[in-house]
Amino acid sequence: MKLLEKADSFLIGAKIRVDSFLNHEEGDTNFISILVLLGIALALAGVFLGFKDQVLAWVDTNVGDFFSQNGGRG
């Protein structure tokens, strides 16, 4: 009789652990957040690749203007 009680207790515990594993949703929100951030990063990379020549020309012009100015507040 003791063996049957132990087997029954083991099987009930295993069923509870399996049900808890299948129904517990901790971490799903973090996974979805990572996917959203990855999508945003890929969209920004696509926009940059599409407009890279204009962006680089704008940066080059502005940096060149900044360094060609004379110092001082006048």
N, C-alpha and C. Protein backbone atom coordinates (compact mmCIF):
# COMPACT_ATOMS: atom_id res chain seq x y z
N MET A 1 0.82 -1.20 0.00
CA MET A 1 0.00 0.00 0.00
C MET A 1 0.87 1.26 0.00
N LYS A 2 1.98 1.22 0.67
CA LYS A 2 2.86 2.38 0.71
C LYS A 2 3.36 2.72 -0.69
N LEU A 3 3.70 1.72 -1.49
CA LEU A 3 4.22 1.95 -2.82
C LEU A 3 3.18 2.64 -3.70
N LEU A 4 1.92 2.24 -3.59
CA LEU A 4 0.86 2.87 -4.37
C LEU A 4 0.66 4.32 -3.96
N GLU A 5 0.76 4.60 -2.67
CA GLU A 5 0.60 5.98 -2.20
C GLU A 5 1.75 6.85 -2.72
N LYS A 6 2.97 6.33 -2.70
CA LYS A 6 4.11 7.07 -3.21
C LYS A 6 3.97 7.32 -4.72
N ALA A 7 3.56 6.30 -5.46
CA ALA A 7 3.38 6.44 -6.90
C ALA A 7 2.30 7.47 -7.20
N ASP A 8 1.20 7.41 -6.43
CA ASP A 8 0.10 8.36 -6.62
C ASP A 8 0.56 9.78 -6.32
N SER A 9 1.30 9.95 -5.24
CA SER A 9 1.81 11.26 -4.87
C SER A 9 2.77 11.79 -5.94
N PHE A 10 3.63 10.92 -6.46
CA PHE A 10 4.57 11.31 -7.50
C PHE A 10 3.83 11.75 -8.77
N LEU A 11 2.82 10.97 -9.18
CA LEU A 11 2.08 11.29 -10.39
C LEU A 11 1.28 12.59 -10.25
N ILE A 12 0.70 12.81 -9.08
CA ILE A 12 -0.03 14.05 -8.85
C ILE A 12 0.92 15.24 -8.88
N GLY A 13 2.08 15.10 -8.24
CA GLY A 13 3.07 16.17 -8.27
C GLY A 13 3.56 16.45 -9.68
N ALA A 14 3.78 15.41 -10.46
CA ALA A 14 4.24 15.58 -11.84
C ALA A 14 3.18 16.29 -12.66
N LYS A 15 1.92 15.93 -12.46
CA LYS A 15 0.84 16.58 -13.20
C LYS A 15 0.74 18.06 -12.84
N ILE A 16 0.91 18.38 -11.57
CA ILE A 16 0.87 19.79 -11.14
C ILE A 16 2.02 20.57 -11.77
N ARG A 17 3.23 19.97 -11.78
CA ARG A 17 4.38 20.67 -12.37
C ARG A 17 4.19 20.87 -13.87
N VAL A 18 3.67 19.87 -14.57
CA VAL A 18 3.45 20.00 -16.00
C VAL A 18 2.39 21.06 -16.28
N ASP A 19 1.29 21.05 -15.53
CA ASP A 19 0.24 22.06 -15.72
C ASP A 19 0.78 23.45 -15.43
N SER A 20 1.58 23.59 -14.38
CA SER A 20 2.16 24.88 -14.05
C SER A 20 3.10 25.36 -15.15
N PHE A 21 3.88 24.45 -15.72
CA PHE A 21 4.80 24.81 -16.80
C PHE A 21 4.04 25.25 -18.05
N LEU A 22 2.98 24.55 -18.39
CA LEU A 22 2.24 24.86 -19.61
C LEU A 22 1.39 26.11 -19.49
N ASN A 23 0.92 26.43 -18.29
CA ASN A 23 0.00 27.55 -18.11
C ASN A 23 0.65 28.81 -17.56
N HIS A 24 1.87 28.71 -17.09
CA HIS A 24 2.55 29.86 -16.51
C HIS A 24 3.14 30.71 -17.64
N GLU A 25 2.79 32.00 -17.71
CA GLU A 25 3.16 32.84 -18.84
C GLU A 25 4.22 33.88 -18.50
N GLU A 26 5.01 33.66 -17.49
CA GLU A 26 6.05 34.61 -17.12
C GLU A 26 7.12 34.66 -18.20
N GLY A 27 7.49 35.85 -18.61
CA GLY A 27 8.52 36.00 -19.61
C GLY A 27 7.99 36.25 -21.01
N ASP A 28 6.72 35.99 -21.27
CA ASP A 28 6.17 36.22 -22.59
C ASP A 28 6.20 37.69 -22.96
N THR A 29 5.95 38.56 -22.01
CA THR A 29 5.94 39.99 -22.28
C THR A 29 7.33 40.47 -22.67
N ASN A 30 8.36 39.95 -22.01
CA ASN A 30 9.72 40.34 -22.37
C ASN A 30 10.07 39.89 -23.78
N PHE A 31 9.63 38.71 -24.15
CA PHE A 31 9.90 38.20 -25.49
C PHE A 31 9.23 39.07 -26.54
N ILE A 32 7.99 39.46 -26.28
CA ILE A 32 7.27 40.32 -27.22
C ILE A 32 7.93 41.69 -27.30
N SER A 33 8.39 42.22 -26.18
CA SER A 33 9.10 43.51 -26.18
C SER A 33 10.36 43.43 -27.02
N ILE A 34 11.09 42.34 -26.90
CA ILE A 34 12.31 42.18 -27.69
C ILE A 34 11.98 42.14 -29.18
N LEU A 35 10.90 41.44 -29.54
CA LEU A 35 10.51 41.38 -30.94
C LEU A 35 10.11 42.75 -31.47
N VAL A 36 9.39 43.53 -30.65
CA VAL A 36 8.99 44.88 -31.07
C VAL A 36 10.22 45.76 -31.27
N LEU A 37 11.16 45.73 -30.32
CA LEU A 37 12.37 46.53 -30.45
C LEU A 37 13.20 46.10 -31.65
N LEU A 38 13.26 44.81 -31.91
CA LEU A 38 13.98 44.31 -33.07
C LEU A 38 13.33 44.80 -34.36
N GLY A 39 12.00 44.81 -34.40
CA GLY A 39 11.28 45.33 -35.56
C GLY A 39 11.56 46.80 -35.79
N ILE A 40 11.58 47.58 -34.71
CA ILE A 40 11.89 49.01 -34.83
C ILE A 40 13.31 49.22 -35.34
N ALA A 41 14.26 48.45 -34.81
CA ALA A 41 15.65 48.57 -35.25
C ALA A 41 15.79 48.21 -36.73
N LEU A 42 15.10 47.17 -37.16
CA LEU A 42 15.17 46.79 -38.57
C LEU A 42 14.53 47.84 -39.46
N ALA A 43 13.43 48.46 -39.00
CA ALA A 43 12.80 49.52 -39.78
C ALA A 43 13.72 50.72 -39.91
N LEU A 44 14.38 51.10 -38.81
CA LEU A 44 15.32 52.22 -38.86
C LEU A 44 16.50 51.91 -39.78
N ALA A 45 16.97 50.68 -39.74
CA ALA A 45 18.07 50.30 -40.63
C ALA A 45 17.62 50.37 -42.09
N GLY A 46 16.40 49.95 -42.37
CA GLY A 46 15.88 50.04 -43.73
C GLY A 46 15.75 51.48 -44.20
N VAL A 47 15.26 52.35 -43.31
CA VAL A 47 15.16 53.77 -43.66
C VAL A 47 16.54 54.35 -43.91
N PHE A 48 17.49 54.02 -43.05
CA PHE A 48 18.86 54.53 -43.24
C PHE A 48 19.44 54.04 -44.56
N LEU A 49 19.24 52.77 -44.88
CA LEU A 49 19.77 52.26 -46.15
C LEU A 49 19.11 52.95 -47.34
N GLY A 50 17.83 53.28 -47.20
CA GLY A 50 17.12 53.95 -48.29
C GLY A 50 17.58 55.37 -48.50
N PHE A 51 17.89 56.07 -47.42
CA PHE A 51 18.26 57.49 -47.49
C PHE A 51 19.71 57.73 -47.07
N LYS A 52 20.53 56.73 -47.19
CA LYS A 52 21.90 56.84 -46.67
C LYS A 52 22.69 57.94 -47.35
N ASP A 53 22.53 58.13 -48.65
CA ASP A 53 23.30 59.16 -49.34
C ASP A 53 22.92 60.55 -48.85
N GLN A 54 21.61 60.79 -48.67
CA GLN A 54 21.17 62.10 -48.19
C GLN A 54 21.62 62.34 -46.75
N VAL A 55 21.52 61.30 -45.91
CA VAL A 55 21.91 61.44 -44.50
C VAL A 55 23.40 61.72 -44.39
N LEU A 56 24.20 60.97 -45.12
CA LEU A 56 25.65 61.17 -45.06
C LEU A 56 26.06 62.52 -45.62
N ALA A 57 25.39 62.98 -46.67
CA ALA A 57 25.69 64.31 -47.22
C ALA A 57 25.33 65.39 -46.21
N TRP A 58 24.19 65.25 -45.53
CA TRP A 58 23.77 66.23 -44.53
C TRP A 58 24.77 66.27 -43.37
N VAL A 59 25.19 65.10 -42.89
CA VAL A 59 26.15 65.04 -41.79
C VAL A 59 27.49 65.64 -42.23
N ASP A 60 27.93 65.31 -43.42
CA ASP A 60 29.20 65.85 -43.92
C ASP A 60 29.15 67.37 -44.03
N THR A 61 28.06 67.90 -44.53
CA THR A 61 27.91 69.36 -44.65
C THR A 61 27.92 70.03 -43.29
N ASN A 62 27.13 69.50 -42.36
CA ASN A 62 27.03 70.12 -41.04
C ASN A 62 28.33 70.02 -40.25
N VAL A 63 28.99 68.89 -40.32
CA VAL A 63 30.26 68.75 -39.60
C VAL A 63 31.31 69.64 -40.24
N GLY A 64 31.34 69.71 -41.56
CA GLY A 64 32.28 70.59 -42.24
C GLY A 64 32.04 72.05 -41.89
N ASP A 65 30.76 72.47 -41.84
CA ASP A 65 30.44 73.85 -41.45
C ASP A 65 30.86 74.13 -40.01
N PHE A 66 30.67 73.17 -39.15
CA PHE A 66 31.01 73.35 -37.73
C PHE A 66 32.51 73.57 -37.56
N PHE A 67 33.30 72.76 -38.24
CA PHE A 67 34.75 72.86 -38.06
C PHE A 67 35.37 74.01 -38.86
N SER A 68 34.66 74.54 -39.84
CA SER A 68 35.22 75.65 -40.61
C SER A 68 34.93 77.01 -39.97
N GLN A 69 34.09 77.05 -38.94
CA GLN A 69 33.78 78.33 -38.28
C GLN A 69 34.96 78.79 -37.42
N ASN A 70 35.04 80.11 -37.31
CA ASN A 70 36.06 80.67 -36.41
C ASN A 70 35.61 80.54 -34.96
N GLY A 71 36.58 80.43 -34.07
CA GLY A 71 36.25 80.31 -32.65
C GLY A 71 35.78 81.62 -32.08
N GLY A 72 35.25 81.58 -30.89
CA GLY A 72 34.80 82.80 -30.21
C GLY A 72 33.29 82.97 -30.28
N ARG A 73 32.83 84.01 -29.60
CA ARG A 73 31.39 84.24 -29.53
C ARG A 73 30.95 85.39 -30.42
N GLY A 74 31.77 85.88 -31.24
CA GLY A 74 31.44 87.05 -32.04
C GLY A 74 30.89 86.67 -33.32
